[in-house]
Amino acid sequence: LPENFNSPYLSRSVTEFWRRWHITLSTWLRD
């Protein structure tokens, strides 16, 4: 299964946060 988190609270921007938090949902919303 795909990874869904990548240390989101270590992000340097909210844009980066959404690349690290609930990754499968954020990519769904993007696409």
All heavy atoms as atom14 arrays in JSON, in Angstrom:
{
  "sequence": "LPENFNSPYLSRSVTEFWRRWHITLSTWLRD",
  "atom14_mask": [
    [1, 1, 1, 1, 1, 1, 1, 1, 0, 0, 0, 0, 0, 0],
    [1, 1, 1, 1, 1, 1, 1, 0, 0, 0, 0, 0, 0, 0],
    [1, 1, 1, 1, 1, 1, 1, 1, 1, 0, 0, 0, 0, 0],
    [1, 1, 1, 1, 1, 1, 1, 1, 0, 0, 0, 0, 0, 0],
    [1, 1, 1, 1, 1, 1, 1, 1, 1, 1, 1, 0, 0, 0],
    [1, 1, 1, 1, 1, 1, 1, 1, 0, 0, 0, 0, 0, 0],
    [1, 1, 1, 1, 1, 1, 0, 0, 0, 0, 0, 0, 0, 0],
    [1, 1, 1, 1, 1, 1, 1, 0, 0, 0, 0, 0, 0, 0],
    [1, 1, 1, 1, 1, 1, 1, 1, 1, 1, 1, 1, 0, 0],
    [1, 1, 1, 1, 1, 1, 1, 1, 0, 0, 0, 0, 0, 0],
    [1, 1, 1, 1, 1, 1, 0, 0, 0, 0, 0, 0, 0, 0],
    [1, 1, 1, 1, 1, 1, 1, 1, 1, 1, 1, 0, 0, 0],
    [1, 1, 1, 1, 1, 1, 0, 0, 0, 0, 0, 0, 0, 0],
    [1, 1, 1, 1, 1, 1, 1, 0, 0, 0, 0, 0, 0, 0],
    [1, 1, 1, 1, 1, 1, 1, 0, 0, 0, 0, 0, 0, 0],
    [1, 1, 1, 1, 1, 1, 1, 1, 1, 0, 0, 0, 0, 0],
    [1, 1, 1, 1, 1, 1, 1, 1, 1, 1, 1, 0, 0, 0],
    [1, 1, 1, 1, 1, 1, 1, 1, 1, 1, 1, 1, 1, 1],
    [1, 1, 1, 1, 1, 1, 1, 1, 1, 1, 1, 0, 0, 0],
    [1, 1, 1, 1, 1, 1, 1, 1, 1, 1, 1, 0, 0, 0],
    [1, 1, 1, 1, 1, 1, 1, 1, 1, 1, 1, 1, 1, 1],
    [1, 1, 1, 1, 1, 1, 1, 1, 1, 1, 0, 0, 0, 0],
    [1, 1, 1, 1, 1, 1, 1, 1, 0, 0, 0, 0, 0, 0],
    [1, 1, 1, 1, 1, 1, 1, 0, 0, 0, 0, 0, 0, 0],
    [1, 1, 1, 1, 1, 1, 1, 1, 0, 0, 0, 0, 0, 0],
    [1, 1, 1, 1, 1, 1, 0, 0, 0, 0, 0, 0, 0, 0],
    [1, 1, 1, 1, 1, 1, 1, 0, 0, 0, 0, 0, 0, 0],
    [1, 1, 1, 1, 1, 1, 1, 1, 1, 1, 1, 1, 1, 1],
    [1, 1, 1, 1, 1, 1, 1, 1, 0, 0, 0, 0, 0, 0],
    [1, 1, 1, 1, 1, 1, 1, 1, 1, 1, 1, 0, 0, 0],
    [1, 1, 1, 1, 1, 1, 1, 1, 0, 0, 0, 0, 0, 0]
  ],
  "atom14_positions": [
    [[0.85, -1.19, 0.0], [0.0, 0.0, 0.0], [0.89, 1.25, 0.0], [2.01, 1.22, 0.5], [-0.91, 0.02, 1.23], [-1.96, -1.09, 1.36], [-2.9, -0.78, 2.51], [-2.73, -1.28, 0.08], [0.0, 0.0, 0.0], [0.0, 0.0, 0.0], [0.0, 0.0, 0.0], [0.0, 0.0, 0.0], [0.0, 0.0, 0.0], [0.0, 0.0, 0.0]],
    [[0.39, 2.37, -0.54], [1.21, 3.59, -0.58], [1.39, 4.2, 0.8], [0.52, 4.06, 1.68], [0.39, 4.52, -1.48], [-1.02, 4.04, -1.35], [-0.93, 2.56, -1.18], [0.0, 0.0, 0.0], [0.0, 0.0, 0.0], [0.0, 0.0, 0.0], [0.0, 0.0, 0.0], [0.0, 0.0, 0.0], [0.0, 0.0, 0.0], [0.0, 0.0, 0.0]],
    [[2.52, 4.85, 0.99], [2.75, 5.59, 2.23], [1.83, 6.81, 2.28], [1.52, 7.42, 1.25], [4.21, 6.05, 2.32], [5.21, 4.91, 2.4], [5.13, 4.15, 3.72], [4.58, 4.7, 4.69], [5.62, 3.0, 3.76], [0.0, 0.0, 0.0], [0.0, 0.0, 0.0], [0.0, 0.0, 0.0], [0.0, 0.0, 0.0], [0.0, 0.0, 0.0]],
    [[1.4, 7.16, 3.49], [0.44, 8.27, 3.63], [0.98, 9.44, 4.42], [0.37, 10.51, 4.43], [-0.84, 7.74, 4.29], [-2.09, 8.42, 3.77], [-2.1, 8.96, 2.67], [-3.15, 8.37, 4.55], [0.0, 0.0, 0.0], [0.0, 0.0, 0.0], [0.0, 0.0, 0.0], [0.0, 0.0, 0.0], [0.0, 0.0, 0.0], [0.0, 0.0, 0.0]],
    [[2.14, 9.26, 5.09], [2.71, 10.34, 5.89], [4.23, 10.33, 5.74], [4.83, 9.28, 5.59], [2.35, 10.16, 7.38], [0.91, 10.38, 7.68], [0.01, 9.32, 7.62], [0.43, 11.64, 7.99], [-1.33, 9.51, 7.88], [-0.9, 11.84, 8.25], [-1.79, 10.78, 8.2], [0.0, 0.0, 0.0], [0.0, 0.0, 0.0], [0.0, 0.0, 0.0]],
    [[4.79, 11.54, 5.79], [6.25, 11.68, 5.7], [6.68, 12.85, 6.58], [7.02, 13.92, 6.09], [6.67, 11.91, 4.24], [8.17, 12.04, 4.09], [8.94, 11.61, 4.95], [8.61, 12.65, 3.0], [0.0, 0.0, 0.0], [0.0, 0.0, 0.0], [0.0, 0.0, 0.0], [0.0, 0.0, 0.0], [0.0, 0.0, 0.0], [0.0, 0.0, 0.0]],
    [[6.65, 12.64, 7.89], [7.05, 13.66, 8.87], [6.45, 15.03, 8.54], [7.18, 16.01, 8.31], [8.58, 13.76, 8.94], [9.15, 12.52, 9.28], [0.0, 0.0, 0.0], [0.0, 0.0, 0.0], [0.0, 0.0, 0.0], [0.0, 0.0, 0.0], [0.0, 0.0, 0.0], [0.0, 0.0, 0.0], [0.0, 0.0, 0.0], [0.0, 0.0, 0.0]],
    [[5.11, 15.15, 8.51], [4.48, 16.39, 8.02], [4.78, 17.63, 8.84], [4.83, 18.74, 8.3], [2.99, 16.05, 8.04], [2.85, 14.93, 9.01], [4.11, 14.13, 8.89], [0.0, 0.0, 0.0], [0.0, 0.0, 0.0], [0.0, 0.0, 0.0], [0.0, 0.0, 0.0], [0.0, 0.0, 0.0], [0.0, 0.0, 0.0], [0.0, 0.0, 0.0]],
    [[4.99, 17.48, 10.16], [5.21, 18.66, 10.99], [6.63, 19.21, 10.88], [6.95, 20.21, 11.53], [4.88, 18.36, 12.45], [3.41, 18.16, 12.71], [2.97, 17.3, 13.7], [2.45, 18.83, 11.96], [1.61, 17.11, 13.94], [1.1, 18.65, 12.18], [0.68, 17.79, 13.17], [-0.66, 17.61, 13.41], [0.0, 0.0, 0.0], [0.0, 0.0, 0.0]],
    [[7.46, 18.58, 10.07], [8.78, 19.14, 9.79], [8.8, 19.91, 8.48], [9.86, 20.24, 7.96], [9.82, 18.0, 9.76], [9.95, 17.19, 11.05], [11.02, 16.11, 10.9], [10.26, 18.1, 12.24], [0.0, 0.0, 0.0], [0.0, 0.0, 0.0], [0.0, 0.0, 0.0], [0.0, 0.0, 0.0], [0.0, 0.0, 0.0], [0.0, 0.0, 0.0]],
    [[7.62, 20.21, 7.95], [7.5, 20.95, 6.69], [7.83, 22.42, 6.89], [7.56, 23.0, 7.94], [6.07, 20.83, 6.14], [5.7, 19.49, 5.98], [0.0, 0.0, 0.0], [0.0, 0.0, 0.0], [0.0, 0.0, 0.0], [0.0, 0.0, 0.0], [0.0, 0.0, 0.0], [0.0, 0.0, 0.0], [0.0, 0.0, 0.0], [0.0, 0.0, 0.0]],
    [[8.39, 23.03, 5.84], [8.77, 24.44, 5.9], [7.71, 25.36, 5.31], [7.9, 26.58, 5.29], [10.1, 24.65, 5.17], [11.3, 24.01, 5.86], [12.53, 24.11, 5.0], [12.36, 23.35, 3.77], [13.15, 23.45, 2.71], [14.16, 24.3, 2.73], [12.92, 22.73, 1.64], [0.0, 0.0, 0.0], [0.0, 0.0, 0.0], [0.0, 0.0, 0.0]],
    [[6.62, 24.81, 4.83], [5.5, 25.6, 4.31], [4.26, 24.73, 4.33], [4.35, 23.5, 4.43], [5.79, 26.08, 2.88], [5.8, 24.98, 1.98], [0.0, 0.0, 0.0], [0.0, 0.0, 0.0], [0.0, 0.0, 0.0], [0.0, 0.0, 0.0], [0.0, 0.0, 0.0], [0.0, 0.0, 0.0], [0.0, 0.0, 0.0], [0.0, 0.0, 0.0]],
    [[3.09, 25.36, 4.24], [1.85, 24.58, 4.2], [1.77, 23.8, 2.89], [1.2, 22.7, 2.85], [0.64, 25.51, 4.37], [-0.67, 24.73, 4.26], [0.7, 26.21, 5.74], [0.0, 0.0, 0.0], [0.0, 0.0, 0.0], [0.0, 0.0, 0.0], [0.0, 0.0, 0.0], [0.0, 0.0, 0.0], [0.0, 0.0, 0.0], [0.0, 0.0, 0.0]],
    [[2.34, 24.33, 1.81], [2.4, 23.59, 0.56], [3.15, 22.27, 0.76], [2.71, 21.21, 0.33], [3.08, 24.42, -0.53], [2.35, 25.64, -0.71], [3.13, 23.66, -1.85], [0.0, 0.0, 0.0], [0.0, 0.0, 0.0], [0.0, 0.0, 0.0], [0.0, 0.0, 0.0], [0.0, 0.0, 0.0], [0.0, 0.0, 0.0], [0.0, 0.0, 0.0]],
    [[4.3, 22.35, 1.43], [5.07, 21.14, 1.71], [4.33, 20.24, 2.68], [4.38, 19.0, 2.57], [6.44, 21.51, 2.28], [7.36, 20.32, 2.5], [8.71, 20.72, 3.09], [9.02, 21.93, 3.13], [9.43, 19.81, 3.52], [0.0, 0.0, 0.0], [0.0, 0.0, 0.0], [0.0, 0.0, 0.0], [0.0, 0.0, 0.0], [0.0, 0.0, 0.0]],
    [[3.61, 20.84, 3.63], [2.84, 20.06, 4.58], [1.85, 19.14, 3.86], [1.73, 17.95, 4.2], [2.08, 21.0, 5.52], [1.08, 20.31, 6.42], [1.49, 19.67, 7.57], [-0.28, 20.31, 6.1], [0.57, 19.04, 8.41], [-1.21, 19.68, 6.92], [-0.79, 19.04, 8.08], [0.0, 0.0, 0.0], [0.0, 0.0, 0.0], [0.0, 0.0, 0.0]],
    [[1.18, 19.66, 2.83], [0.21, 18.85, 2.11], [0.86, 17.84, 1.17], [0.18, 16.96, 0.65], [-0.78, 19.73, 1.37], [-1.85, 20.2, 2.31], [-1.97, 21.42, 2.89], [-2.93, 19.42, 2.82], [-3.05, 21.46, 3.73], [-3.67, 20.24, 3.7], [-3.34, 18.1, 2.63], [-4.79, 19.78, 4.38], [-4.46, 17.64, 3.31], [-5.18, 18.48, 4.17]],
    [[2.15, 17.94, 0.96], [2.87, 16.89, 0.24], [3.29, 15.76, 1.19], [3.72, 14.71, 0.74], [4.11, 17.46, -0.44], [3.8, 18.47, -1.54], [5.06, 18.88, -2.27], [4.79, 19.94, -3.23], [5.42, 21.1, -3.27], [6.41, 21.33, -2.41], [5.12, 22.01, -4.17], [0.0, 0.0, 0.0], [0.0, 0.0, 0.0], [0.0, 0.0, 0.0]],
    [[3.17, 16.02, 2.5], [3.62, 15.05, 3.5], [2.47, 14.51, 4.35], [2.63, 13.49, 5.01], [4.64, 15.72, 4.45], [5.97, 16.11, 3.81], [6.71, 17.04, 4.75], [8.09, 17.29, 4.36], [9.16, 16.85, 5.02], [9.0, 16.11, 6.1], [10.37, 17.12, 4.62], [0.0, 0.0, 0.0], [0.0, 0.0, 0.0], [0.0, 0.0, 0.0]],
    [[1.35, 15.22, 4.4], [0.22, 14.84, 5.26], [-0.88, 14.2, 4.4], [-1.27, 14.77, 3.39], [-0.34, 16.06, 5.99], [-1.61, 15.78, 6.74], [-2.88, 15.76, 6.25], [-1.72, 15.45, 8.13], [-3.78, 15.45, 7.22], [-3.09, 15.24, 8.4], [-0.8, 15.31, 9.16], [-3.57, 14.91, 9.66], [-1.27, 14.98, 10.41], [-2.63, 14.79, 10.66]],
    [[-1.38, 13.04, 4.84], [-2.45, 12.33, 4.12], [-2.19, 12.42, 2.62], [-2.99, 12.94, 1.84], [-3.81, 12.95, 4.47], [-4.97, 12.02, 4.26], [-4.86, 10.85, 3.52], [-6.27, 12.08, 4.65], [-6.04, 10.25, 3.5], [-6.91, 10.96, 4.18], [0.0, 0.0, 0.0], [0.0, 0.0, 0.0], [0.0, 0.0, 0.0], [0.0, 0.0, 0.0]],
    [[-1.05, 11.9, 2.23], [-0.52, 12.08, 0.87], [-1.51, 11.58, -0.18], [-1.7, 12.21, -1.23], [0.83, 11.35, 0.72], [1.85, 11.96, 1.7], [1.35, 11.43, -0.7], [3.11, 11.14, 1.84], [0.0, 0.0, 0.0], [0.0, 0.0, 0.0], [0.0, 0.0, 0.0], [0.0, 0.0, 0.0], [0.0, 0.0, 0.0], [0.0, 0.0, 0.0]],
    [[-2.17, 10.46, 0.09], [-3.08, 9.91, -0.92], [-4.31, 10.78, -1.12], [-4.86, 10.85, -2.21], [-3.51, 8.48, -0.53], [-4.08, 8.49, 0.8], [-2.32, 7.53, -0.54], [0.0, 0.0, 0.0], [0.0, 0.0, 0.0], [0.0, 0.0, 0.0], [0.0, 0.0, 0.0], [0.0, 0.0, 0.0], [0.0, 0.0, 0.0], [0.0, 0.0, 0.0]],
    [[-4.78, 11.47, -0.06], [-5.9, 12.39, -0.23], [-5.45, 13.66, -0.94], [-6.15, 14.15, -1.84], [-6.51, 12.75, 1.13], [-7.61, 13.81, 1.07], [-8.82, 13.32, 0.27], [-8.04, 14.25, 2.47], [0.0, 0.0, 0.0], [0.0, 0.0, 0.0], [0.0, 0.0, 0.0], [0.0, 0.0, 0.0], [0.0, 0.0, 0.0], [0.0, 0.0, 0.0]],
    [[-4.31, 14.22, -0.55], [-3.85, 15.47, -1.16], [-3.57, 15.29, -2.65], [-3.87, 16.18, -3.46], [-2.61, 16.01, -0.44], [-1.55, 15.09, -0.48], [0.0, 0.0, 0.0], [0.0, 0.0, 0.0], [0.0, 0.0, 0.0], [0.0, 0.0, 0.0], [0.0, 0.0, 0.0], [0.0, 0.0, 0.0], [0.0, 0.0, 0.0], [0.0, 0.0, 0.0]],
    [[-3.03, 14.12, -3.05], [-2.83, 13.89, -4.48], [-4.16, 13.69, -5.2], [-4.31, 14.1, -6.36], [-1.93, 12.66, -4.71], [-2.47, 11.53, -4.02], [-0.52, 12.92, -4.22], [0.0, 0.0, 0.0], [0.0, 0.0, 0.0], [0.0, 0.0, 0.0], [0.0, 0.0, 0.0], [0.0, 0.0, 0.0], [0.0, 0.0, 0.0], [0.0, 0.0, 0.0]],
    [[-5.13, 13.07, -4.52], [-6.46, 12.93, -5.11], [-7.09, 14.31, -5.34], [-7.63, 14.59, -6.42], [-7.36, 12.1, -4.18], [-8.6, 11.54, -4.84], [-8.76, 10.3, -5.35], [-9.84, 12.23, -5.04], [-10.04, 10.17, -5.86], [-10.72, 11.34, -5.69], [-10.29, 13.52, -4.75], [-12.02, 11.68, -6.04], [-11.59, 13.87, -5.11], [-12.44, 12.96, -5.74]],
    [[-7.02, 15.17, -4.33], [-7.57, 16.53, -4.47], [-6.85, 17.29, -5.58], [-7.48, 18.02, -6.35], [-7.43, 17.28, -3.14], [-8.27, 16.76, -1.97], [-7.88, 17.5, -0.69], [-9.75, 16.92, -2.25], [0.0, 0.0, 0.0], [0.0, 0.0, 0.0], [0.0, 0.0, 0.0], [0.0, 0.0, 0.0], [0.0, 0.0, 0.0], [0.0, 0.0, 0.0]],
    [[-5.54, 17.11, -5.67], [-4.78, 17.79, -6.71], [-5.19, 17.32, -8.1], [-5.46, 18.13, -9.0], [-3.29, 17.54, -6.5], [-2.37, 18.2, -7.52], [-1.0, 17.55, -7.48], [-1.05, 16.15, -7.91], [-0.09, 15.26, -7.66], [0.98, 15.61, -6.96], [-0.21, 14.02, -8.1], [0.0, 0.0, 0.0], [0.0, 0.0, 0.0], [0.0, 0.0, 0.0]],
    [[-5.26, 16.0, -8.29], [-5.49, 15.44, -9.62], [-6.93, 15.63, -10.09], [-7.16, 15.85, -11.28], [-5.15, 13.95, -9.63], [-3.66, 13.7, -9.42], [-2.87, 14.66, -9.54], [-3.29, 12.55, -9.11], [0.0, 0.0, 0.0], [0.0, 0.0, 0.0], [0.0, 0.0, 0.0], [0.0, 0.0, 0.0], [0.0, 0.0, 0.0], [0.0, 0.0, 0.0]]
  ]
}
